[in-house]
Amino acid sequence: QVQLVESGGGLVQAGGSLRLSCAASGTIFSINDMGWYRQAPGKQRELVATITSGGRTNYADLVKGRFTISRDNAKNTVYLQMNSLKPEDTAVYYCNAFVTILGPHWGQGTQVTVSS
């Protein structure tokens, strides 16, 4: 069984920064892609950023240049540094990890609220 635990969400003013973390634990041989998704009220869940085990990254256009995804493979942890936050970034942020053999897993979500 694999668990993903997110941390780092909260309330911040527009223009501020937050850093999200997501640690995977359990029976893990290896993790392929890891990523962050978000879901705002009344909207579908959308991709924010992904990173391969080799460090190749992919970002949604809305966050390019403001957000940075990184990972520590030894700790099975993925991070999301969010700078220049905007009110429209307000959402529940979910961590995702594709665990070898076991498939995709999701975290419970962490709330990010950006005030104007």
C-alpha atoms as a PDB file:
ATOM      1  CA  GLN A   1       0.000   0.000   0.000  1.00  0.00           C
ATOM      2  CA  VAL A   2       1.243   3.472  -0.906  1.00  0.00           C
ATOM      3  CA  GLN A   3       0.351   6.732   0.786  1.00  0.00           C
ATOM      4  CA  LEU A   4       1.000  10.263  -0.423  1.00  0.00           C
ATOM      5  CA  VAL A   5       0.992  13.002   2.204  1.00  0.00           C
ATOM      6  CA  GLU A   6       0.942  16.637   1.116  1.00  0.00           C
ATOM      7  CA  SER A   7       1.903  19.658   3.176  1.00  0.00           C
ATOM      8  CA  GLY A   8       2.608  23.337   2.745  1.00  0.00           C
ATOM      9  CA  GLY A   9      -0.734  24.761   1.700  1.00  0.00           C
ATOM     10  CA  GLY A  10      -2.270  27.808   3.312  1.00  0.00           C
ATOM     11  CA  LEU A  11      -3.419  31.388   2.896  1.00  0.00           C
ATOM     12  CA  VAL A  12      -1.177  33.907   1.166  1.00  0.00           C
ATOM     13  CA  GLN A  13      -1.600  37.349  -0.347  1.00  0.00           C
ATOM     14  CA  ALA A  14      -1.378  37.885  -4.085  1.00  0.00           C
ATOM     15  CA  GLY A  15       2.250  38.113  -5.145  1.00  0.00           C
ATOM     16  CA  GLY A  16       3.374  35.845  -2.343  1.00  0.00           C
ATOM     17  CA  SER A  17       4.929  32.394  -2.368  1.00  0.00           C
ATOM     18  CA  LEU A  18       4.216  28.939  -1.028  1.00  0.00           C
ATOM     19  CA  ARG A  19       6.070  25.637  -1.225  1.00  0.00           C
ATOM     20  CA  LEU A  20       4.146  22.392  -1.350  1.00  0.00           C
ATOM     21  CA  SER A  21       5.659  19.033  -0.465  1.00  0.00           C
ATOM     22  CA  CYS A  22       4.383  15.521  -1.068  1.00  0.00           C
ATOM     23  CA  ALA A  23       6.046  12.457   0.436  1.00  0.00           C
ATOM     24  CA  ALA A  24       5.265   8.933  -0.713  1.00  0.00           C
ATOM     25  CA  SER A  25       5.550   6.048   1.715  1.00  0.00           C
ATOM     26  CA  GLY A  26       4.749   2.361   1.788  1.00  0.00           C
ATOM     27  CA  THR A  27       5.728  -0.516  -0.453  1.00  0.00           C
ATOM     28  CA  ILE A  28       7.557   1.353  -3.198  1.00  0.00           C
ATOM     29  CA  PHE A  29       9.996  -0.192  -5.637  1.00  0.00           C
ATOM     30  CA  SER A  30      10.303   2.978  -7.658  1.00  0.00           C
ATOM     31  CA  ILE A  31       8.245   5.945  -8.794  1.00  0.00           C
ATOM     32  CA  ASN A  32       8.018   7.042 -12.390  1.00  0.00           C
ATOM     33  CA  ASP A  33       6.291  10.365 -13.024  1.00  0.00           C
ATOM     34  CA  MET A  34       5.203  12.597 -10.154  1.00  0.00           C
ATOM     35  CA  GLY A  35       3.064  15.658 -10.458  1.00  0.00           C
ATOM     36  CA  TRP A  36       0.765  18.278  -9.061  1.00  0.00           C
ATOM     37  CA  TYR A  37      -2.815  18.900 -10.085  1.00  0.00           C
ATOM     38  CA  ARG A  38      -5.357  21.367  -8.779  1.00  0.00           C
ATOM     39  CA  GLN A  39      -9.103  21.714  -8.576  1.00  0.00           C
ATOM     40  CA  ALA A  40     -10.899  24.984  -7.991  1.00  0.00           C
ATOM     41  CA  PRO A  41     -14.544  25.090  -6.834  1.00  0.00           C
ATOM     42  CA  GLY A  42     -16.887  24.249  -9.687  1.00  0.00           C
ATOM     43  CA  LYS A  43     -14.051  23.331 -12.028  1.00  0.00           C
ATOM     44  CA  GLN A  44     -12.431  20.124 -13.199  1.00  0.00           C
ATOM     45  CA  ARG A  45      -9.110  18.952 -11.859  1.00  0.00           C
ATOM     46  CA  GLU A  46      -6.288  20.262 -14.031  1.00  0.00           C
ATOM     47  CA  LEU A  47      -2.624  19.548 -14.463  1.00  0.00           C
ATOM     48  CA  VAL A  48      -0.210  22.004 -12.896  1.00  0.00           C
ATOM     49  CA  ALA A  49       3.185  20.369 -13.421  1.00  0.00           C
ATOM     50  CA  THR A  50       4.806  16.966 -13.779  1.00  0.00           C
ATOM     51  CA  ILE A  51       8.337  15.640 -13.435  1.00  0.00           C
ATOM     52  CA  THR A  52       9.857  12.361 -14.584  1.00  0.00           C
ATOM     53  CA  SER A  53      12.219  10.262 -12.516  1.00  0.00           C
ATOM     54  CA  GLY A  54      15.017  11.695 -14.640  1.00  0.00           C
ATOM     55  CA  GLY A  55      14.002  15.277 -13.877  1.00  0.00           C
ATOM     56  CA  ARG A  56      12.267  16.265 -17.088  1.00  0.00           C
ATOM     57  CA  THR A  57       9.498  18.762 -16.308  1.00  0.00           C
ATOM     58  CA  ASN A  58       6.235  19.847 -17.887  1.00  0.00           C
ATOM     59  CA  TYR A  59       4.100  22.839 -16.871  1.00  0.00           C
ATOM     60  CA  ALA A  60       0.656  24.148 -17.600  1.00  0.00           C
ATOM     61  CA  ASP A  61       0.843  27.403 -19.528  1.00  0.00           C
ATOM     62  CA  LEU A  62      -0.910  29.267 -16.708  1.00  0.00           C
ATOM     63  CA  VAL A  63       1.933  28.579 -14.259  1.00  0.00           C
ATOM     64  CA  LYS A  64       5.015  28.654 -16.489  1.00  0.00           C
ATOM     65  CA  GLY A  65       7.624  31.028 -15.154  1.00  0.00           C
ATOM     66  CA  ARG A  66       5.976  31.212 -11.714  1.00  0.00           C
ATOM     67  CA  PHE A  67       5.935  27.611 -10.442  1.00  0.00           C
ATOM     68  CA  THR A  68       8.830  25.162 -10.209  1.00  0.00           C
ATOM     69  CA  ILE A  69       8.465  21.426  -9.675  1.00  0.00           C
ATOM     70  CA  SER A  70      11.307  19.350  -8.275  1.00  0.00           C
ATOM     71  CA  ARG A  71      11.791  15.980  -6.623  1.00  0.00           C
ATOM     72  CA  ASP A  72      14.091  14.060  -4.322  1.00  0.00           C
ATOM     73  CA  ASN A  73      14.106  10.460  -5.530  1.00  0.00           C
ATOM     74  CA  ALA A  74      15.903   9.214  -2.419  1.00  0.00           C
ATOM     75  CA  LYS A  75      13.070  10.571  -0.269  1.00  0.00           C
ATOM     76  CA  ASN A  76      10.239   9.754  -2.724  1.00  0.00           C
ATOM     77  CA  THR A  77       9.206  13.380  -2.382  1.00  0.00           C
ATOM     78  CA  VAL A  78       8.023  15.957  -4.895  1.00  0.00           C
ATOM     79  CA  TYR A  79       7.902  19.707  -4.327  1.00  0.00           C
ATOM     80  CA  LEU A  80       6.103  22.626  -5.917  1.00  0.00           C
ATOM     81  CA  GLN A  81       7.546  26.088  -5.411  1.00  0.00           C
ATOM     82  CA  MET A  82       4.862  28.630  -6.218  1.00  0.00           C
ATOM     83  CA  ASN A  83       5.865  32.270  -6.676  1.00  0.00           C
ATOM     84  CA  SER A  84       3.952  35.354  -7.786  1.00  0.00           C
ATOM     85  CA  LEU A  85       0.726  33.735  -6.709  1.00  0.00           C
ATOM     86  CA  LYS A  86      -2.544  35.065  -8.086  1.00  0.00           C
ATOM     87  CA  PRO A  87      -6.096  34.773  -6.733  1.00  0.00           C
ATOM     88  CA  GLU A  88      -6.899  32.465  -9.647  1.00  0.00           C
ATOM     89  CA  ASP A  89      -4.350  29.988  -8.284  1.00  0.00           C
ATOM     90  CA  THR A  90      -6.730  29.328  -5.399  1.00  0.00           C
ATOM     91  CA  ALA A  91      -7.592  25.625  -5.410  1.00  0.00           C
ATOM     92  CA  VAL A  92      -7.063  22.308  -3.704  1.00  0.00           C
ATOM     93  CA  TYR A  93      -3.705  21.000  -4.875  1.00  0.00           C
ATOM     94  CA  TYR A  94      -3.268  17.245  -5.281  1.00  0.00           C
ATOM     95  CA  CYS A  95      -0.088  15.258  -5.546  1.00  0.00           C
ATOM     96  CA  ASN A  96       0.096  12.327  -7.969  1.00  0.00           C
ATOM     97  CA  ALA A  97       2.686   9.580  -8.260  1.00  0.00           C
ATOM     98  CA  PHE A  98       2.886   6.697 -10.718  1.00  0.00           C
ATOM     99  CA  VAL A  99       4.361   3.874  -8.684  1.00  0.00           C
ATOM    100  CA  THR A 100       6.016   1.054 -10.611  1.00  0.00           C
ATOM    101  CA  ILE A 101       3.699  -1.990 -10.879  1.00  0.00           C
ATOM    102  CA  LEU A 102       1.089  -0.452  -8.536  1.00  0.00           C
ATOM    103  CA  GLY A 103       0.032   2.398 -10.803  1.00  0.00           C
ATOM    104  CA  PRO A 104      -1.147   5.958 -10.061  1.00  0.00           C
ATOM    105  CA  HIS A 105      -1.774   7.202  -6.538  1.00  0.00           C
ATOM    106  CA  TRP A 106      -3.215  10.469  -5.253  1.00  0.00           C
ATOM    107  CA  GLY A 107      -2.707  12.482  -2.109  1.00  0.00           C
ATOM    108  CA  GLN A 108      -5.576  13.822  -0.032  1.00  0.00           C
ATOM    109  CA  GLY A 109      -5.117  17.384  -1.267  1.00  0.00           C
ATOM    110  CA  THR A 110      -3.980  20.610   0.355  1.00  0.00           C
ATOM    111  CA  GLN A 111      -5.824  23.919   0.169  1.00  0.00           C
ATOM    112  CA  VAL A 112      -4.094  26.945  -1.327  1.00  0.00           C
ATOM    113  CA  THR A 113      -5.918  30.257  -0.977  1.00  0.00           C
ATOM    114  CA  VAL A 114      -4.584  33.452  -2.524  1.00  0.00           C
ATOM    115  CA  SER A 115      -6.210  36.680  -1.378  1.00  0.00           C
ATOM    116  CA  SER A 116      -6.329  39.802  -3.540  1.00  0.00           C
END
